[in-house]
Amino acid sequence: MRLDKYLKVSRLIKRRTVANEACDAGRIIANGKPARASYEVKVGDIIEIKLGKNPLKVKVLSVSEYATKETAAGQYEIIP
């Protein structure tokens, strides 16, 4: 699954266009490297999101095309 779509489906970023723009600006880092919106997300990837005041670092636990509000948070694990 594309990175921008994963960020939207997992509800880490509210809109896909915002996720796409964040990738273009270099604010999304996957496995230590700046990631493009077309990056293919895999289980085990570490994604850093540098939006706002608090950067967020998550580990991908699962990748699915659709997620409900209840299951979206189960797709990733926040790394302190």
PDB file of N, CA and C in Angstrom:
ATOM      1  N   MET A   1       0.836  -1.172   0.000  1.00  0.00           N
ATOM      2  CA  MET A   1       0.000   0.000   0.000  1.00  0.00           C
ATOM      3  C   MET A   1       0.885   1.240   0.000  1.00  0.00           C
ATOM      4  N   ARG A   2       0.472   2.255  -0.725  1.00  0.00           N
ATOM      5  CA  ARG A   2       1.211   3.516  -0.775  1.00  0.00           C
ATOM      6  C   ARG A   2       1.245   4.173   0.615  1.00  0.00           C
ATOM      7  N   LEU A   3       2.318   4.891   0.888  1.00  0.00           N
ATOM      8  CA  LEU A   3       2.494   5.534   2.185  1.00  0.00           C
ATOM      9  C   LEU A   3       1.403   6.557   2.464  1.00  0.00           C
ATOM     10  N   ASP A   4       1.064   7.400   1.487  1.00  0.00           N
ATOM     11  CA  ASP A   4       0.057   8.423   1.744  1.00  0.00           C
ATOM     12  C   ASP A   4      -1.302   7.794   2.050  1.00  0.00           C
ATOM     13  N   LYS A   5      -1.634   6.702   1.380  1.00  0.00           N
ATOM     14  CA  LYS A   5      -2.900   6.021   1.649  1.00  0.00           C
ATOM     15  C   LYS A   5      -2.867   5.348   3.017  1.00  0.00           C
ATOM     16  N   TYR A   6      -1.727   4.746   3.390  1.00  0.00           N
ATOM     17  CA  TYR A   6      -1.605   4.107   4.700  1.00  0.00           C
ATOM     18  C   TYR A   6      -1.798   5.125   5.824  1.00  0.00           C
ATOM     19  N   LEU A   7      -1.197   6.291   5.684  1.00  0.00           N
ATOM     20  CA  LEU A   7      -1.324   7.318   6.720  1.00  0.00           C
ATOM     21  C   LEU A   7      -2.775   7.748   6.895  1.00  0.00           C
ATOM     22  N   LYS A   8      -3.531   7.784   5.807  1.00  0.00           N
ATOM     23  CA  LYS A   8      -4.935   8.154   5.887  1.00  0.00           C
ATOM     24  C   LYS A   8      -5.776   7.021   6.463  1.00  0.00           C
ATOM     25  N   VAL A   9      -5.587   5.782   5.965  1.00  0.00           N
ATOM     26  CA  VAL A   9      -6.386   4.647   6.428  1.00  0.00           C
ATOM     27  C   VAL A   9      -6.148   4.377   7.912  1.00  0.00           C
ATOM     28  N   SER A  10      -4.909   4.509   8.359  1.00  0.00           N
ATOM     29  CA  SER A  10      -4.587   4.271   9.765  1.00  0.00           C
ATOM     30  C   SER A  10      -4.922   5.480  10.638  1.00  0.00           C
ATOM     31  N   ARG A  11      -5.374   6.549  10.008  1.00  0.00           N
ATOM     32  CA  ARG A  11      -5.806   7.783  10.684  1.00  0.00           C
ATOM     33  C   ARG A  11      -4.673   8.477  11.445  1.00  0.00           C
ATOM     34  N   LEU A  12      -3.461   8.301  10.959  1.00  0.00           N
ATOM     35  CA  LEU A  12      -2.341   9.062  11.513  1.00  0.00           C
ATOM     36  C   LEU A  12      -2.385  10.492  10.981  1.00  0.00           C
ATOM     37  N   ILE A  13      -2.833  10.649   9.734  1.00  0.00           N
ATOM     38  CA  ILE A  13      -3.050  11.963   9.129  1.00  0.00           C
ATOM     39  C   ILE A  13      -4.463  11.949   8.572  1.00  0.00           C
ATOM     40  N   LYS A  14      -5.174  13.051   8.764  1.00  0.00           N
ATOM     41  CA  LYS A  14      -6.605  13.077   8.468  1.00  0.00           C
ATOM     42  C   LYS A  14      -6.944  12.944   6.982  1.00  0.00           C
ATOM     43  N   ARG A  15      -6.189  13.615   6.122  1.00  0.00           N
ATOM     44  CA  ARG A  15      -6.512  13.599   4.689  1.00  0.00           C
ATOM     45  C   ARG A  15      -5.318  13.100   3.876  1.00  0.00           C
ATOM     46  N   ARG A  16      -5.628  12.425   2.783  1.00  0.00           N
ATOM     47  CA  ARG A  16      -4.575  11.871   1.934  1.00  0.00           C
ATOM     48  C   ARG A  16      -3.771  12.970   1.258  1.00  0.00           C
ATOM     49  N   THR A  17      -4.421  14.074   0.886  1.00  0.00           N
ATOM     50  CA  THR A  17      -3.683  15.169   0.255  1.00  0.00           C
ATOM     51  C   THR A  17      -2.688  15.789   1.225  1.00  0.00           C
ATOM     52  N   VAL A  18      -3.062  15.882   2.501  1.00  0.00           N
ATOM     53  CA  VAL A  18      -2.142  16.407   3.515  1.00  0.00           C
ATOM     54  C   VAL A  18      -0.963  15.444   3.685  1.00  0.00           C
ATOM     55  N   ALA A  19      -1.235  14.139   3.667  1.00  0.00           N
ATOM     56  CA  ALA A  19      -0.172  13.141   3.767  1.00  0.00           C
ATOM     57  C   ALA A  19       0.759  13.227   2.567  1.00  0.00           C
ATOM     58  N   ASN A  20       0.191  13.436   1.385  1.00  0.00           N
ATOM     59  CA  ASN A  20       0.981  13.559   0.167  1.00  0.00           C
ATOM     60  C   ASN A  20       1.884  14.787   0.229  1.00  0.00           C
ATOM     61  N   GLU A  21       1.341  15.913   0.680  1.00  0.00           N
ATOM     62  CA  GLU A  21       2.126  17.142   0.798  1.00  0.00           C
ATOM     63  C   GLU A  21       3.215  17.009   1.858  1.00  0.00           C
ATOM     64  N   ALA A  22       2.927  16.307   2.953  1.00  0.00           N
ATOM     65  CA  ALA A  22       3.931  16.096   4.002  1.00  0.00           C
ATOM     66  C   ALA A  22       5.087  15.253   3.474  1.00  0.00           C
ATOM     67  N   CYS A  23       4.781  14.266   2.654  1.00  0.00           N
ATOM     68  CA  CYS A  23       5.829  13.439   2.045  1.00  0.00           C
ATOM     69  C   CYS A  23       6.692  14.279   1.110  1.00  0.00           C
ATOM     70  N   ASP A  24       6.050  15.112   0.293  1.00  0.00           N
ATOM     71  CA  ASP A  24       6.787  15.963  -0.645  1.00  0.00           C
ATOM     72  C   ASP A  24       7.688  16.951   0.087  1.00  0.00           C
ATOM     73  N   ALA A  25       7.260  17.407   1.273  1.00  0.00           N
ATOM     74  CA  ALA A  25       8.032  18.376   2.046  1.00  0.00           C
ATOM     75  C   ALA A  25       9.143  17.715   2.858  1.00  0.00           C
ATOM     76  N   GLY A  26       9.211  16.378   2.862  1.00  0.00           N
ATOM     77  CA  GLY A  26      10.256  15.680   3.607  1.00  0.00           C
ATOM     78  C   GLY A  26       9.957  15.529   5.083  1.00  0.00           C
ATOM     79  N   ARG A  27       8.696  15.635   5.476  1.00  0.00           N
ATOM     80  CA  ARG A  27       8.315  15.531   6.887  1.00  0.00           C
ATOM     81  C   ARG A  27       7.986  14.106   7.322  1.00  0.00           C
ATOM     82  N   ILE A  28       7.959  13.181   6.363  1.00  0.00           N
ATOM     83  CA  ILE A  28       7.695  11.775   6.660  1.00  0.00           C
ATOM     84  C   ILE A  28       8.969  10.985   6.373  1.00  0.00           C
ATOM     85  N   ILE A  29       9.422  10.231   7.369  1.00  0.00           N
ATOM     86  CA  ILE A  29      10.647   9.445   7.240  1.00  0.00           C
ATOM     87  C   ILE A  29      10.302   7.974   7.470  1.00  0.00           C
ATOM     88  N   ALA A  30      10.685   7.127   6.534  1.00  0.00           N
ATOM     89  CA  ALA A  30      10.436   5.688   6.651  1.00  0.00           C
ATOM     90  C   ALA A  30      11.777   4.967   6.740  1.00  0.00           C
ATOM     91  N   ASN A  31      11.970   4.249   7.821  1.00  0.00           N
ATOM     92  CA  ASN A  31      13.203   3.483   8.051  1.00  0.00           C
ATOM     93  C   ASN A  31      14.456   4.355   7.940  1.00  0.00           C
ATOM     94  N   GLY A  32      14.391   5.572   8.463  1.00  0.00           N
ATOM     95  CA  GLY A  32      15.551   6.446   8.506  1.00  0.00           C
ATOM     96  C   GLY A  32      15.814   7.261   7.264  1.00  0.00           C
ATOM     97  N   LYS A  33      14.970   7.149   6.236  1.00  0.00           N
ATOM     98  CA  LYS A  33      15.167   7.902   4.997  1.00  0.00           C
ATOM     99  C   LYS A  33      13.893   8.670   4.656  1.00  0.00           C
ATOM    100  N   PRO A  34      14.034   9.872   4.107  1.00  0.00           N
ATOM    101  CA  PRO A  34      12.834  10.608   3.673  1.00  0.00           C
ATOM    102  C   PRO A  34      12.065   9.779   2.647  1.00  0.00           C
ATOM    103  N   ALA A  35      10.748   9.678   2.852  1.00  0.00           N
ATOM    104  CA  ALA A  35       9.936   8.805   2.007  1.00  0.00           C
ATOM    105  C   ALA A  35       9.022   9.607   1.099  1.00  0.00           C
ATOM    106  N   ARG A  36       8.831   9.083  -0.102  1.00  0.00           N
ATOM    107  CA  ARG A  36       7.885   9.674  -1.040  1.00  0.00           C
ATOM    108  C   ARG A  36       6.501   9.081  -0.775  1.00  0.00           C
ATOM    109  N   ALA A  37       5.484   9.731  -1.301  1.00  0.00           N
ATOM    110  CA  ALA A  37       4.116   9.263  -1.109  1.00  0.00           C
ATOM    111  C   ALA A  37       3.895   7.888  -1.736  1.00  0.00           C
ATOM    112  N   SER A  38       4.675   7.554  -2.753  1.00  0.00           N
ATOM    113  CA  SER A  38       4.511   6.278  -3.447  1.00  0.00           C
ATOM    114  C   SER A  38       5.263   5.126  -2.778  1.00  0.00           C
ATOM    115  N   TYR A  39       5.944   5.374  -1.661  1.00  0.00           N
ATOM    116  CA  TYR A  39       6.678   4.332  -0.945  1.00  0.00           C
ATOM    117  C   TYR A  39       5.716   3.212  -0.538  1.00  0.00           C
ATOM    118  N   GLU A  40       6.100   1.965  -0.776  1.00  0.00           N
ATOM    119  CA  GLU A  40       5.263   0.816  -0.422  1.00  0.00           C
ATOM    120  C   GLU A  40       5.501   0.448   1.044  1.00  0.00           C
ATOM    121  N   VAL A  41       4.462   0.611   1.858  1.00  0.00           N
ATOM    122  CA  VAL A  41       4.549   0.321   3.289  1.00  0.00           C
ATOM    123  C   VAL A  41       4.474  -1.187   3.501  1.00  0.00           C
ATOM    124  N   LYS A  42       5.370  -1.707   4.373  1.00  0.00           N
ATOM    125  CA  LYS A  42       5.402  -3.119   4.698  1.00  0.00           C
ATOM    126  C   LYS A  42       5.334  -3.279   6.213  1.00  0.00           C
ATOM    127  N   VAL A  43       4.904  -4.434   6.666  1.00  0.00           N
ATOM    128  CA  VAL A  43       4.860  -4.723   8.096  1.00  0.00           C
ATOM    129  C   VAL A  43       6.273  -4.664   8.647  1.00  0.00           C
ATOM    130  N   GLY A  44       6.451  -3.976   9.773  1.00  0.00           N
ATOM    131  CA  GLY A  44       7.762  -3.844  10.395  1.00  0.00           C
ATOM    132  C   GLY A  44       8.450  -2.527  10.098  1.00  0.00           C
ATOM    133  N   ASP A  45       7.928  -1.748   9.161  1.00  0.00           N
ATOM    134  CA  ASP A  45       8.516  -0.439   8.851  1.00  0.00           C
ATOM    135  C   ASP A  45       8.384   0.509  10.033  1.00  0.00           C
ATOM    136  N   ILE A  46       9.367   1.378  10.197  1.00  0.00           N
ATOM    137  CA  ILE A  46       9.327   2.437  11.207  1.00  0.00           C
ATOM    138  C   ILE A  46       9.070   3.748  10.465  1.00  0.00           C
ATOM    139  N   ILE A  47       7.990   4.435  10.831  1.00  0.00           N
ATOM    140  CA  ILE A  47       7.614   5.679  10.166  1.00  0.00           C
ATOM    141  C   ILE A  47       7.655   6.813  11.176  1.00  0.00           C
ATOM    142  N   GLU A  48       8.365   7.881  10.826  1.00  0.00           N
ATOM    143  CA  GLU A  48       8.416   9.072  11.660  1.00  0.00           C
ATOM    144  C   GLU A  48       7.633  10.181  10.971  1.00  0.00           C
ATOM    145  N   ILE A  49       6.751  10.833  11.730  1.00  0.00           N
ATOM    146  CA  ILE A  49       5.928  11.913  11.194  1.00  0.00           C
ATOM    147  C   ILE A  49       6.299  13.182  11.952  1.00  0.00           C
ATOM    148  N   LYS A  50       6.795  14.173  11.228  1.00  0.00           N
ATOM    149  CA  LYS A  50       7.219  15.426  11.842  1.00  0.00           C
ATOM    150  C   LYS A  50       6.258  16.543  11.455  1.00  0.00           C
ATOM    151  N   LEU A  51       5.039  16.474  11.967  1.00  0.00           N
ATOM    152  CA  LEU A  51       4.037  17.513  11.757  1.00  0.00           C
ATOM    153  C   LEU A  51       3.674  18.107  13.108  1.00  0.00           C
ATOM    154  N   GLY A  52       3.552  19.413  13.169  1.00  0.00           N
ATOM    155  CA  GLY A  52       3.203  20.050  14.432  1.00  0.00           C
ATOM    156  C   GLY A  52       4.363  20.069  15.404  1.00  0.00           C
ATOM    157  N   LYS A  53       4.038  20.244  16.672  1.00  0.00           N
ATOM    158  CA  LYS A  53       5.073  20.376  17.703  1.00  0.00           C
ATOM    159  C   LYS A  53       5.624  19.029  18.167  1.00  0.00           C
ATOM    160  N   ASN A  54       4.779  17.994  18.145  1.00  0.00           N
ATOM    161  CA  ASN A  54       5.205  16.702  18.663  1.00  0.00           C
ATOM    162  C   ASN A  54       5.425  15.705  17.534  1.00  0.00           C
ATOM    163  N   PRO A  55       6.689  15.346  17.268  1.00  0.00           N
ATOM    164  CA  PRO A  55       6.929  14.318  16.245  1.00  0.00           C
ATOM    165  C   PRO A  55       6.414  12.965  16.742  1.00  0.00           C
ATOM    166  N   LEU A  56       5.999  12.129  15.813  1.00  0.00           N
ATOM    167  CA  LEU A  56       5.426  10.831  16.143  1.00  0.00           C
ATOM    168  C   LEU A  56       6.208   9.745  15.432  1.00  0.00           C
ATOM    169  N   LYS A  57       6.520   8.673  16.155  1.00  0.00           N
ATOM    170  CA  LYS A  57       7.262   7.557  15.582  1.00  0.00           C
ATOM    171  C   LYS A  57       6.434   6.298  15.811  1.00  0.00           C
ATOM    172  N   VAL A  58       6.126   5.584  14.715  1.00  0.00           N
ATOM    173  CA  VAL A  58       5.289   4.389  14.825  1.00  0.00           C
ATOM    174  C   VAL A  58       5.923   3.217  14.096  1.00  0.00           C
ATOM    175  N   LYS A  59       5.554   2.011  14.537  1.00  0.00           N
ATOM    176  CA  LYS A  59       5.972   0.778  13.869  1.00  0.00           C
ATOM    177  C   LYS A  59       4.730   0.162  13.241  1.00  0.00           C
ATOM    178  N   VAL A  60       4.819  -0.193  11.969  1.00  0.00           N
ATOM    179  CA  VAL A  60       3.688  -0.755  11.237  1.00  0.00           C
ATOM    180  C   VAL A  60       3.488  -2.205  11.678  1.00  0.00           C
ATOM    181  N   LEU A  61       2.267  -2.515  12.176  1.00  0.00           N
ATOM    182  CA  LEU A  61       1.950  -3.871  12.604  1.00  0.00           C
ATOM    183  C   LEU A  61       1.146  -4.628  11.550  1.00  0.00           C
ATOM    184  N   SER A  62       0.307  -3.912  10.808  1.00  0.00           N
ATOM    185  CA  SER A  62      -0.466  -4.549   9.747  1.00  0.00           C
ATOM    186  C   SER A  62      -0.811  -3.517   8.682  1.00  0.00           C
ATOM    187  N   VAL A  63      -1.076  -4.012   7.479  1.00  0.00           N
ATOM    188  CA  VAL A  63      -1.435  -3.153   6.362  1.00  0.00           C
ATOM    189  C   VAL A  63      -2.727  -3.700   5.767  1.00  0.00           C
ATOM    190  N   SER A  64      -3.797  -2.891   5.787  1.00  0.00           N
ATOM    191  CA  SER A  64      -5.059  -3.308   5.163  1.00  0.00           C
ATOM    192  C   SER A  64      -5.662  -2.122   4.430  1.00  0.00           C
ATOM    193  N   GLU A  65      -6.395  -2.415   3.371  1.00  0.00           N
ATOM    194  CA  GLU A  65      -6.959  -1.370   2.514  1.00  0.00           C
ATOM    195  C   GLU A  65      -8.006  -0.541   3.234  1.00  0.00           C
ATOM    196  N   TYR A  66      -8.755  -1.163   4.145  1.00  0.00           N
ATOM    197  CA  TYR A  66      -9.837  -0.469   4.831  1.00  0.00           C
ATOM    198  C   TYR A  66      -9.708  -0.682   6.329  1.00  0.00           C
ATOM    199  N   ALA A  67     -10.125   0.324   7.084  1.00  0.00           N
ATOM    200  CA  ALA A  67     -10.110   0.201   8.535  1.00  0.00           C
ATOM    201  C   ALA A  67     -11.222   1.051   9.112  1.00  0.00           C
ATOM    202  N   THR A  68     -11.879   0.541  10.125  1.00  0.00           N
ATOM    203  CA  THR A  68     -12.888   1.330  10.822  1.00  0.00           C
ATOM    204  C   THR A  68     -12.200   2.162  11.888  1.00  0.00           C
ATOM    205  N   LYS A  69     -12.965   3.012  12.511  1.00  0.00           N
ATOM    206  CA  LYS A  69     -12.407   3.874  13.550  1.00  0.00           C
ATOM    207  C   LYS A  69     -11.802   3.040  14.689  1.00  0.00           C
ATOM    208  N   GLU A  70     -12.437   1.909  14.988  1.00  0.00           N
ATOM    209  CA  GLU A  70     -11.979   1.064  16.091  1.00  0.00           C
ATOM    210  C   GLU A  70     -10.718   0.271  15.738  1.00  0.00           C
ATOM    211  N   THR A  71     -10.593  -0.159  14.488  1.00  0.00           N
ATOM    212  CA  THR A  71      -9.462  -1.005  14.106  1.00  0.00           C
ATOM    213  C   THR A  71      -8.271  -0.230  13.541  1.00  0.00           C
ATOM    214  N   ALA A  72      -8.451   1.058  13.287  1.00  0.00           N
ATOM    215  CA  ALA A  72      -7.371   1.845  12.678  1.00  0.00           C
ATOM    216  C   ALA A  72      -6.142   1.906  13.587  1.00  0.00           C
ATOM    217  N   ALA A  73      -6.336   2.083  14.879  1.00  0.00           N
ATOM    218  CA  ALA A  73      -5.206   2.212  15.795  1.00  0.00           C
ATOM    219  C   ALA A  73      -4.447   0.886  15.964  1.00  0.00           C
ATOM    220  N   GLY A  74      -5.046  -0.226  15.590  1.00  0.00           N
ATOM    221  CA  GLY A  74      -4.386  -1.516  15.704  1.00  0.00           C
ATOM    222  C   GLY A  74      -3.407  -1.786  14.575  1.00  0.00           C
ATOM    223  N   GLN A  75      -3.341  -0.894  13.593  1.00  0.00           N
ATOM    224  CA  GLN A  75      -2.425  -1.092  12.469  1.00  0.00           C
ATOM    225  C   GLN A  75      -1.016  -0.639  12.785  1.00  0.00           C
ATOM    226  N   TYR A  76      -0.831   0.074  13.882  1.00  0.00           N
ATOM    227  CA  TYR A  76       0.502   0.577  14.221  1.00  0.00           C
ATOM    228  C   TYR A  76       0.703   0.587  15.726  1.00  0.00           C
ATOM    229  N   GLU A  77       1.965   0.703  16.120  1.00  0.00           N
ATOM    230  CA  GLU A  77       2.345   0.778  17.528  1.00  0.00           C
ATOM    231  C   GLU A  77       3.211   2.012  17.697  1.00  0.00           C
ATOM    232  N   ILE A  78       2.868   2.870  18.644  1.00  0.00           N
ATOM    233  CA  ILE A  78       3.630   4.098  18.874  1.00  0.00           C
ATOM    234  C   ILE A  78       4.913   3.749  19.631  1.00  0.00           C
ATOM    235  N   ILE A  79       6.019   4.252  19.113  1.00  0.00           N
ATOM    236  CA  ILE A  79       7.333   4.032  19.724  1.00  0.00           C
ATOM    237  C   ILE A  79       7.708   5.307  20.479  1.00  0.00           C
ATOM    238  N   PRO A  80       7.983   5.209  21.766  1.00  0.00           N
ATOM    239  CA  PRO A  80       8.326   6.438  22.528  1.00  0.00           C
ATOM    240  C   PRO A  80       9.704   6.979  22.170  1.00  0.00           C
TER     241      PRO A  80
END
